[in-house]
Amino acid sequence: MTKEQVKKILDRVLTWPAERQADVAHMVELMEEQDQSGLRLTDEQVAEVERRLADPNPRFLTLEEMRERFARRRA
């Protein structure tokens, strides 16, 4: 996206109601905060997230199943 395209979008945003403009400002602030964060996923973690998101039938564990798994790890 070019600077000119960004400027056109921002010009449109300035025509929106104040509340919506505040929403945009907040979103941009959040993006800036993320850029400042030192937290990053490794390539392996990214691959795992993508794998899980691609699963059309994810399996969720019950609370009891999770407790059993944690208990086995502690043993």
N, C-alpha and C. Protein backbone atom coordinates (compact mmCIF):
# COMPACT_ATOMS: atom_id res chain seq x y z
N MET A 1 0.85 -1.17 0.00
CA MET A 1 0.00 0.00 0.00
C MET A 1 0.90 1.24 0.00
N THR A 2 0.56 2.17 -0.82
CA THR A 2 1.37 3.38 -0.94
C THR A 2 0.96 4.40 0.12
N LYS A 3 1.82 5.38 0.33
CA LYS A 3 1.51 6.45 1.27
C LYS A 3 0.26 7.21 0.83
N GLU A 4 0.12 7.38 -0.46
CA GLU A 4 -1.05 8.09 -0.98
C GLU A 4 -2.34 7.33 -0.67
N GLN A 5 -2.30 6.02 -0.80
CA GLN A 5 -3.48 5.20 -0.46
C GLN A 5 -3.81 5.33 1.02
N VAL A 6 -2.78 5.31 1.86
CA VAL A 6 -3.00 5.45 3.30
C VAL A 6 -3.60 6.82 3.60
N LYS A 7 -3.07 7.86 2.97
CA LYS A 7 -3.61 9.20 3.18
C LYS A 7 -5.07 9.29 2.79
N LYS A 8 -5.45 8.66 1.68
CA LYS A 8 -6.85 8.67 1.25
C LYS A 8 -7.75 8.00 2.28
N ILE A 9 -7.27 6.90 2.82
CA ILE A 9 -8.05 6.19 3.85
C ILE A 9 -8.20 7.08 5.08
N LEU A 10 -7.10 7.69 5.51
CA LEU A 10 -7.16 8.54 6.69
C LEU A 10 -8.05 9.75 6.47
N ASP A 11 -8.05 10.29 5.27
CA ASP A 11 -8.96 11.40 4.96
C ASP A 11 -10.41 10.96 5.10
N ARG A 12 -10.72 9.74 4.67
CA ARG A 12 -12.08 9.21 4.83
C ARG A 12 -12.42 9.03 6.30
N VAL A 13 -11.45 8.53 7.06
CA VAL A 13 -11.66 8.31 8.49
C VAL A 13 -12.04 9.63 9.18
N LEU A 14 -11.42 10.71 8.75
CA LEU A 14 -11.71 12.02 9.36
C LEU A 14 -13.14 12.49 9.11
N THR A 15 -13.85 11.86 8.19
CA THR A 15 -15.26 12.21 7.95
C THR A 15 -16.20 11.37 8.81
N TRP A 16 -15.68 10.38 9.50
CA TRP A 16 -16.49 9.51 10.33
C TRP A 16 -16.87 10.21 11.64
N PRO A 17 -17.86 9.67 12.34
CA PRO A 17 -18.20 10.20 13.68
C PRO A 17 -17.00 10.04 14.63
N ALA A 18 -16.94 10.93 15.61
CA ALA A 18 -15.81 10.95 16.55
C ALA A 18 -15.58 9.60 17.22
N GLU A 19 -16.65 8.91 17.57
CA GLU A 19 -16.50 7.61 18.25
C GLU A 19 -15.78 6.60 17.36
N ARG A 20 -16.12 6.58 16.07
CA ARG A 20 -15.46 5.65 15.15
C ARG A 20 -14.00 6.07 14.93
N GLN A 21 -13.73 7.36 14.89
CA GLN A 21 -12.35 7.82 14.76
C GLN A 21 -11.53 7.38 15.97
N ALA A 22 -12.14 7.45 17.16
CA ALA A 22 -11.46 6.99 18.37
C ALA A 22 -11.16 5.50 18.29
N ASP A 23 -12.06 4.74 17.70
CA ASP A 23 -11.83 3.30 17.51
C ASP A 23 -10.61 3.06 16.64
N VAL A 24 -10.51 3.81 15.55
CA VAL A 24 -9.36 3.67 14.65
C VAL A 24 -8.07 4.04 15.38
N ALA A 25 -8.11 5.14 16.11
CA ALA A 25 -6.91 5.57 16.84
C ALA A 25 -6.48 4.51 17.84
N HIS A 26 -7.45 3.92 18.52
CA HIS A 26 -7.13 2.88 19.50
C HIS A 26 -6.51 1.66 18.81
N MET A 27 -7.06 1.27 17.68
CA MET A 27 -6.51 0.12 16.95
C MET A 27 -5.06 0.38 16.54
N VAL A 28 -4.80 1.58 16.06
CA VAL A 28 -3.44 1.93 15.64
C VAL A 28 -2.50 1.92 16.85
N GLU A 29 -2.97 2.43 17.98
CA GLU A 29 -2.16 2.40 19.20
C GLU A 29 -1.83 0.97 19.61
N LEU A 30 -2.81 0.08 19.51
CA LEU A 30 -2.57 -1.33 19.85
C LEU A 30 -1.53 -1.94 18.91
N MET A 31 -1.61 -1.60 17.64
CA MET A 31 -0.64 -2.11 16.67
C MET A 31 0.76 -1.62 17.01
N GLU A 32 0.86 -0.36 17.40
CA GLU A 32 2.17 0.19 17.78
C GLU A 32 2.71 -0.51 19.02
N GLU A 33 1.84 -0.78 19.99
CA GLU A 33 2.27 -1.51 21.19
C GLU A 33 2.79 -2.90 20.82
N GLN A 34 2.10 -3.58 19.91
CA GLN A 34 2.54 -4.91 19.49
C GLN A 34 3.91 -4.83 18.83
N ASP A 35 4.14 -3.80 18.05
CA ASP A 35 5.43 -3.65 17.39
C ASP A 35 6.56 -3.46 18.39
N GLN A 36 6.24 -2.87 19.54
CA GLN A 36 7.25 -2.62 20.58
C GLN A 36 7.52 -3.85 21.44
N SER A 37 6.62 -4.82 21.38
CA SER A 37 6.75 -6.01 22.21
C SER A 37 7.92 -6.87 21.73
N GLY A 38 8.63 -7.42 22.68
CA GLY A 38 9.72 -8.33 22.36
C GLY A 38 9.25 -9.77 22.19
N LEU A 39 7.96 -10.00 22.42
CA LEU A 39 7.41 -11.35 22.31
C LEU A 39 7.16 -11.70 20.85
N ARG A 40 7.70 -12.81 20.43
CA ARG A 40 7.51 -13.28 19.06
C ARG A 40 7.37 -14.80 19.09
N LEU A 41 6.56 -15.31 18.17
CA LEU A 41 6.44 -16.76 18.03
C LEU A 41 7.61 -17.27 17.21
N THR A 42 8.07 -18.46 17.57
CA THR A 42 9.09 -19.10 16.75
C THR A 42 8.41 -19.64 15.49
N ASP A 43 9.21 -20.03 14.51
CA ASP A 43 8.65 -20.62 13.29
C ASP A 43 7.84 -21.87 13.61
N GLU A 44 8.34 -22.66 14.58
CA GLU A 44 7.62 -23.87 14.99
C GLU A 44 6.27 -23.52 15.61
N GLN A 45 6.23 -22.49 16.43
CA GLN A 45 4.98 -22.08 17.06
C GLN A 45 3.98 -21.57 16.02
N VAL A 46 4.47 -20.80 15.06
CA VAL A 46 3.60 -20.31 13.99
C VAL A 46 3.02 -21.49 13.22
N ALA A 47 3.85 -22.47 12.91
CA ALA A 47 3.38 -23.64 12.18
C ALA A 47 2.32 -24.39 12.98
N GLU A 48 2.52 -24.49 14.29
CA GLU A 48 1.55 -25.19 15.14
C GLU A 48 0.22 -24.44 15.19
N VAL A 49 0.27 -23.13 15.31
CA VAL A 49 -0.96 -22.33 15.30
C VAL A 49 -1.69 -22.51 13.98
N GLU A 50 -0.96 -22.45 12.88
CA GLU A 50 -1.58 -22.62 11.57
C GLU A 50 -2.19 -24.01 11.42
N ARG A 51 -1.49 -25.03 11.93
CA ARG A 51 -2.00 -26.39 11.87
C ARG A 51 -3.31 -26.51 12.64
N ARG A 52 -3.32 -25.93 13.82
CA ARG A 52 -4.53 -26.03 14.65
C ARG A 52 -5.69 -25.24 14.05
N LEU A 53 -5.41 -24.09 13.48
CA LEU A 53 -6.47 -23.30 12.86
C LEU A 53 -7.03 -24.00 11.62
N ALA A 54 -6.22 -24.78 10.96
CA ALA A 54 -6.65 -25.46 9.74
C ALA A 54 -7.49 -26.70 10.02
N ASP A 55 -7.48 -27.18 11.26
CA ASP A 55 -8.24 -28.39 11.62
C ASP A 55 -9.73 -28.08 11.57
N PRO A 56 -10.48 -28.71 10.65
CA PRO A 56 -11.91 -28.41 10.54
C PRO A 56 -12.73 -28.98 11.70
N ASN A 57 -12.17 -29.94 12.42
CA ASN A 57 -12.88 -30.56 13.55
C ASN A 57 -11.99 -30.60 14.78
N PRO A 58 -11.73 -29.43 15.37
CA PRO A 58 -10.84 -29.44 16.54
C PRO A 58 -11.47 -30.21 17.70
N ARG A 59 -10.64 -30.86 18.47
CA ARG A 59 -11.13 -31.62 19.62
C ARG A 59 -10.84 -30.82 20.88
N PHE A 60 -11.87 -30.60 21.65
CA PHE A 60 -11.72 -29.88 22.90
C PHE A 60 -11.80 -30.87 24.04
N LEU A 61 -10.98 -30.64 25.04
CA LEU A 61 -10.97 -31.53 26.20
C LEU A 61 -11.91 -30.99 27.26
N THR A 62 -12.51 -31.91 27.98
CA THR A 62 -13.32 -31.50 29.12
C THR A 62 -12.39 -31.11 30.26
N LEU A 63 -12.95 -30.45 31.26
CA LEU A 63 -12.15 -30.07 32.42
C LEU A 63 -11.57 -31.31 33.09
N GLU A 64 -12.35 -32.36 33.17
CA GLU A 64 -11.88 -33.61 33.79
C GLU A 64 -10.72 -34.21 32.99
N GLU A 65 -10.81 -34.19 31.67
CA GLU A 65 -9.71 -34.72 30.84
C GLU A 65 -8.44 -33.90 31.04
N MET A 66 -8.58 -32.59 31.17
CA MET A 66 -7.39 -31.76 31.40
C MET A 66 -6.77 -32.06 32.76
N ARG A 67 -7.61 -32.23 33.76
CA ARG A 67 -7.09 -32.55 35.09
C ARG A 67 -6.33 -33.87 35.07
N GLU A 68 -6.87 -34.85 34.35
CA GLU A 68 -6.20 -36.15 34.24
C GLU A 68 -4.84 -36.00 33.56
N ARG A 69 -4.79 -35.21 32.50
CA ARG A 69 -3.51 -35.01 31.80
C ARG A 69 -2.48 -34.34 32.71
N PHE A 70 -2.91 -33.31 33.42
CA PHE A 70 -1.98 -32.63 34.33
C PHE A 70 -1.52 -33.57 35.44
N ALA A 71 -2.44 -34.39 35.94
CA ALA A 71 -2.09 -35.33 37.00
C ALA A 71 -1.05 -36.32 36.51
N ARG A 72 -1.20 -36.80 35.27
CA ARG A 72 -0.23 -37.74 34.70
C ARG A 72 1.15 -37.08 34.56
N ARG A 73 1.18 -35.81 34.20
CA ARG A 73 2.47 -35.13 34.04
C ARG A 73 3.18 -34.93 35.36
N ARG A 74 2.41 -34.71 36.40
CA ARG A 74 3.00 -34.51 37.73
C ARG A 74 3.51 -35.80 38.33
N ALA A 75 2.96 -36.91 37.88
CA ALA A 75 3.32 -38.22 38.47
C ALA A 75 4.69 -38.66 38.05
